[in-house]
Amino acid sequence: LVNVKDKYFRSRRAKKFDIQYQLQIKKSIESFNLFVNVFSFLSFLFFAVGTR
């Protein structure tokens, strides 16, 4: 019984960790996308100013 309980809690903890890990990945991907968007916007601005 104790073994089953231990396994259950361990799997729950692993699941929790998994969810946090996925959230962290999602956050980093979003920040990376934001950075790329800002960078492309800035380069577009520089290009527009340079060609004017």
PDB file of N, CA and C in Angstrom:
ATOM      1  N   LEU A   1       0.842  -1.207   0.000  1.00  0.00           N
ATOM      2  CA  LEU A   1       0.000   0.000   0.000  1.00  0.00           C
ATOM      3  C   LEU A   1       0.878   1.259   0.000  1.00  0.00           C
ATOM      4  N   VAL A   2       1.896   1.265   0.871  1.00  0.00           N
ATOM      5  CA  VAL A   2       2.775   2.431   0.955  1.00  0.00           C
ATOM      6  C   VAL A   2       3.510   2.629  -0.376  1.00  0.00           C
ATOM      7  N   ASN A   3       3.910   1.517  -0.973  1.00  0.00           N
ATOM      8  CA  ASN A   3       4.636   1.586  -2.239  1.00  0.00           C
ATOM      9  C   ASN A   3       3.769   2.226  -3.324  1.00  0.00           C
ATOM     10  N   VAL A   4       2.509   1.796  -3.386  1.00  0.00           N
ATOM     11  CA  VAL A   4       1.571   2.335  -4.384  1.00  0.00           C
ATOM     12  C   VAL A   4       1.367   3.833  -4.153  1.00  0.00           C
ATOM     13  N   LYS A   5       1.202   4.192  -2.863  1.00  0.00           N
ATOM     14  CA  LYS A   5       1.017   5.598  -2.522  1.00  0.00           C
ATOM     15  C   LYS A   5       2.236   6.414  -2.965  1.00  0.00           C
ATOM     16  N   ASP A   6       3.425   5.871  -2.675  1.00  0.00           N
ATOM     17  CA  ASP A   6       4.669   6.541  -3.032  1.00  0.00           C
ATOM     18  C   ASP A   6       4.754   6.753  -4.544  1.00  0.00           C
ATOM     19  N   LYS A   7       4.421   5.712  -5.287  1.00  0.00           N
ATOM     20  CA  LYS A   7       4.442   5.793  -6.750  1.00  0.00           C
ATOM     21  C   LYS A   7       3.465   6.869  -7.222  1.00  0.00           C
ATOM     22  N   TYR A   8       2.278   6.872  -6.624  1.00  0.00           N
ATOM     23  CA  TYR A   8       1.242   7.840  -7.012  1.00  0.00           C
ATOM     24  C   TYR A   8       1.740   9.272  -6.808  1.00  0.00           C
ATOM     25  N   PHE A   9       2.304   9.525  -5.615  1.00  0.00           N
ATOM     26  CA  PHE A   9       2.776  10.873  -5.315  1.00  0.00           C
ATOM     27  C   PHE A   9       3.946  11.252  -6.225  1.00  0.00           C
ATOM     28  N   ARG A  10       4.816  10.277  -6.492  1.00  0.00           N
ATOM     29  CA  ARG A  10       5.971  10.549  -7.330  1.00  0.00           C
ATOM     30  C   ARG A  10       5.518  10.917  -8.745  1.00  0.00           C
ATOM     31  N   SER A  11       4.540  10.175  -9.254  1.00  0.00           N
ATOM     32  CA  SER A  11       4.050  10.448 -10.605  1.00  0.00           C
ATOM     33  C   SER A  11       3.367  11.818 -10.639  1.00  0.00           C
ATOM     34  N   ARG A  12       2.643  12.147  -9.574  1.00  0.00           N
ATOM     35  CA  ARG A  12       1.985  13.460  -9.517  1.00  0.00           C
ATOM     36  C   ARG A  12       3.026  14.575  -9.511  1.00  0.00           C
ATOM     37  N   ARG A  13       4.089  14.366  -8.725  1.00  0.00           N
ATOM     38  CA  ARG A  13       5.142  15.379  -8.650  1.00  0.00           C
ATOM     39  C   ARG A  13       5.811  15.525 -10.019  1.00  0.00           C
ATOM     40  N   ALA A  14       6.029  14.411 -10.687  1.00  0.00           N
ATOM     41  CA  ALA A  14       6.650  14.428 -12.010  1.00  0.00           C
ATOM     42  C   ALA A  14       5.754  15.189 -12.988  1.00  0.00           C
ATOM     43  N   LYS A  15       4.451  14.948 -12.873  1.00  0.00           N
ATOM     44  CA  LYS A  15       3.500  15.620 -13.764  1.00  0.00           C
ATOM     45  C   LYS A  15       3.544  17.130 -13.520  1.00  0.00           C
ATOM     46  N   LYS A  16       3.575  17.504 -12.240  1.00  0.00           N
ATOM     47  CA  LYS A  16       3.629  18.918 -11.879  1.00  0.00           C
ATOM     48  C   LYS A  16       4.886  19.557 -12.469  1.00  0.00           C
ATOM     49  N   PHE A  17       6.013  18.867 -12.309  1.00  0.00           N
ATOM     50  CA  PHE A  17       7.290  19.352 -12.825  1.00  0.00           C
ATOM     51  C   PHE A  17       7.211  19.490 -14.344  1.00  0.00           C
ATOM     52  N   ASP A  18       6.593  18.504 -14.987  1.00  0.00           N
ATOM     53  CA  ASP A  18       6.426  18.510 -16.443  1.00  0.00           C
ATOM     54  C   ASP A  18       5.656  19.752 -16.884  1.00  0.00           C
ATOM     55  N   ILE A  19       4.574  20.043 -16.172  1.00  0.00           N
ATOM     56  CA  ILE A  19       3.738  21.201 -16.521  1.00  0.00           C
ATOM     57  C   ILE A  19       4.543  22.489 -16.371  1.00  0.00           C
ATOM     58  N   GLN A  20       5.302  22.595 -15.269  1.00  0.00           N
ATOM     59  CA  GLN A  20       6.116  23.789 -15.050  1.00  0.00           C
ATOM     60  C   GLN A  20       7.165  23.930 -16.155  1.00  0.00           C
ATOM     61  N   TYR A  21       7.755  22.784 -16.535  1.00  0.00           N
ATOM     62  CA  TYR A  21       8.778  22.780 -17.581  1.00  0.00           C
ATOM     63  C   TYR A  21       8.186  23.255 -18.904  1.00  0.00           C
ATOM     64  N   GLN A  22       6.980  22.750 -19.225  1.00  0.00           N
ATOM     65  CA  GLN A  22       6.303  23.151 -20.465  1.00  0.00           C
ATOM     66  C   GLN A  22       5.988  24.645 -20.443  1.00  0.00           C
ATOM     67  N   LEU A  23       5.547  25.146 -19.282  1.00  0.00           N
ATOM     68  CA  LEU A  23       5.246  26.575 -19.161  1.00  0.00           C
ATOM     69  C   LEU A  23       6.512  27.404 -19.382  1.00  0.00           C
ATOM     70  N   GLN A  24       7.625  26.923 -18.818  1.00  0.00           N
ATOM     71  CA  GLN A  24       8.897  27.625 -18.962  1.00  0.00           C
ATOM     72  C   GLN A  24       9.304  27.686 -20.428  1.00  0.00           C
ATOM     73  N   ILE A  25       9.161  26.554 -21.130  1.00  0.00           N
ATOM     74  CA  ILE A  25       9.490  26.498 -22.558  1.00  0.00           C
ATOM     75  C   ILE A  25       8.603  27.457 -23.334  1.00  0.00           C
ATOM     76  N   LYS A  26       7.294  27.439 -23.010  1.00  0.00           N
ATOM     77  CA  LYS A  26       6.336  28.310 -23.680  1.00  0.00           C
ATOM     78  C   LYS A  26       6.731  29.778 -23.483  1.00  0.00           C
ATOM     79  N   LYS A  27       7.092  30.113 -22.241  1.00  0.00           N
ATOM     80  CA  LYS A  27       7.479  31.492 -21.926  1.00  0.00           C
ATOM     81  C   LYS A  27       8.707  31.908 -22.717  1.00  0.00           C
ATOM     82  N   SER A  28       9.715  31.030 -22.752  1.00  0.00           N
ATOM     83  CA  SER A  28      10.958  31.366 -23.453  1.00  0.00           C
ATOM     84  C   SER A  28      10.702  31.500 -24.947  1.00  0.00           C
ATOM     85  N   ILE A  29       9.838  30.637 -25.497  1.00  0.00           N
ATOM     86  CA  ILE A  29       9.503  30.723 -26.921  1.00  0.00           C
ATOM     87  C   ILE A  29       8.784  32.032 -27.208  1.00  0.00           C
ATOM     88  N   GLU A  30       7.859  32.410 -26.323  1.00  0.00           N
ATOM     89  CA  GLU A  30       7.125  33.667 -26.516  1.00  0.00           C
ATOM     90  C   GLU A  30       8.066  34.870 -26.462  1.00  0.00           C
ATOM     91  N   SER A  31       8.979  34.866 -25.498  1.00  0.00           N
ATOM     92  CA  SER A  31       9.918  35.986 -25.391  1.00  0.00           C
ATOM     93  C   SER A  31      10.829  36.037 -26.613  1.00  0.00           C
ATOM     94  N   PHE A  32      11.221  34.847 -27.108  1.00  0.00           N
ATOM     95  CA  PHE A  32      12.066  34.789 -28.303  1.00  0.00           C
ATOM     96  C   PHE A  32      11.313  35.355 -29.509  1.00  0.00           C
ATOM     97  N   ASN A  33      10.040  34.973 -29.645  1.00  0.00           N
ATOM     98  CA  ASN A  33       9.219  35.483 -30.749  1.00  0.00           C
ATOM     99  C   ASN A  33       9.077  37.002 -30.647  1.00  0.00           C
ATOM    100  N   LEU A  34       8.877  37.485 -29.424  1.00  0.00           N
ATOM    101  CA  LEU A  34       8.756  38.927 -29.210  1.00  0.00           C
ATOM    102  C   LEU A  34      10.035  39.635 -29.645  1.00  0.00           C
ATOM    103  N   PHE A  35      11.176  39.057 -29.247  1.00  0.00           N
ATOM    104  CA  PHE A  35      12.472  39.619 -29.611  1.00  0.00           C
ATOM    105  C   PHE A  35      12.625  39.667 -31.134  1.00  0.00           C
ATOM    106  N   VAL A  36      12.253  38.565 -31.802  1.00  0.00           N
ATOM    107  CA  VAL A  36      12.360  38.501 -33.264  1.00  0.00           C
ATOM    108  C   VAL A  36      11.462  39.554 -33.907  1.00  0.00           C
ATOM    109  N   ASN A  37      10.245  39.704 -33.377  1.00  0.00           N
ATOM    110  CA  ASN A  37       9.316  40.696 -33.920  1.00  0.00           C
ATOM    111  C   ASN A  37       9.878  42.105 -33.775  1.00  0.00           C
ATOM    112  N   VAL A  38      10.385  42.416 -32.598  1.00  0.00           N
ATOM    113  CA  VAL A  38      10.946  43.744 -32.339  1.00  0.00           C
ATOM    114  C   VAL A  38      12.144  43.990 -33.252  1.00  0.00           C
ATOM    115  N   PHE A  39      13.002  42.971 -33.364  1.00  0.00           N
ATOM    116  CA  PHE A  39      14.204  43.109 -34.191  1.00  0.00           C
ATOM    117  C   PHE A  39      13.838  43.352 -35.652  1.00  0.00           C
ATOM    118  N   SER A  40      12.882  42.580 -36.171  1.00  0.00           N
ATOM    119  CA  SER A  40      12.481  42.750 -37.569  1.00  0.00           C
ATOM    120  C   SER A  40      11.819  44.125 -37.774  1.00  0.00           C
ATOM    121  N   PHE A  41      11.052  44.555 -36.770  1.00  0.00           N
ATOM    122  CA  PHE A  41      10.409  45.872 -36.853  1.00  0.00           C
ATOM    123  C   PHE A  41      11.464  46.978 -36.908  1.00  0.00           C
ATOM    124  N   LEU A  42      12.491  46.851 -36.035  1.00  0.00           N
ATOM    125  CA  LEU A  42      13.559  47.848 -36.001  1.00  0.00           C
ATOM    126  C   LEU A  42      14.338  47.853 -37.309  1.00  0.00           C
ATOM    127  N   SER A  43      14.657  46.674 -37.820  1.00  0.00           N
ATOM    128  CA  SER A  43      15.413  46.607 -39.073  1.00  0.00           C
ATOM    129  C   SER A  43      14.574  47.192 -40.218  1.00  0.00           C
ATOM    130  N   PHE A  44      13.262  46.957 -40.164  1.00  0.00           N
ATOM    131  CA  PHE A  44      12.369  47.531 -41.172  1.00  0.00           C
ATOM    132  C   PHE A  44      12.396  49.062 -41.093  1.00  0.00           C
ATOM    133  N   LEU A  45      12.375  49.576 -39.862  1.00  0.00           N
ATOM    134  CA  LEU A  45      12.424  51.032 -39.675  1.00  0.00           C
ATOM    135  C   LEU A  45      13.724  51.600 -40.221  1.00  0.00           C
ATOM    136  N   PHE A  46      14.852  50.939 -39.879  1.00  0.00           N
ATOM    137  CA  PHE A  46      16.149  51.400 -40.353  1.00  0.00           C
ATOM    138  C   PHE A  46      16.197  51.383 -41.876  1.00  0.00           C
ATOM    139  N   PHE A  47      15.627  50.330 -42.448  1.00  0.00           N
ATOM    140  CA  PHE A  47      15.602  50.196 -43.909  1.00  0.00           C
ATOM    141  C   PHE A  47      14.790  51.330 -44.523  1.00  0.00           C
ATOM    142  N   ALA A  48      13.618  51.609 -43.913  1.00  0.00           N
ATOM    143  CA  ALA A  48      12.745  52.665 -44.432  1.00  0.00           C
ATOM    144  C   ALA A  48      13.440  54.018 -44.331  1.00  0.00           C
ATOM    145  N   VAL A  49      14.116  54.260 -43.195  1.00  0.00           N
ATOM    146  CA  VAL A  49      14.810  55.538 -43.001  1.00  0.00           C
ATOM    147  C   VAL A  49      15.988  55.649 -43.967  1.00  0.00           C
ATOM    148  N   GLY A  50      16.696  54.535 -44.175  1.00  0.00           N
ATOM    149  CA  GLY A  50      17.867  54.539 -45.043  1.00  0.00           C
ATOM    150  C   GLY A  50      17.507  54.789 -46.498  1.00  0.00           C
ATOM    151  N   THR A  51      16.360  54.274 -46.935  1.00  0.00           N
ATOM    152  CA  THR A  51      15.993  54.414 -48.338  1.00  0.00           C
ATOM    153  C   THR A  51      15.342  55.762 -48.621  1.00  0.00           C
ATOM    154  N   ARG A  52      14.884  56.446 -47.549  1.00  0.00           N
ATOM    155  CA  ARG A  52      14.207  57.710 -47.781  1.00  0.00           C
ATOM    156  C   ARG A  52      15.183  58.795 -48.225  1.00  0.00           C
TER     157      ARG A  52
END
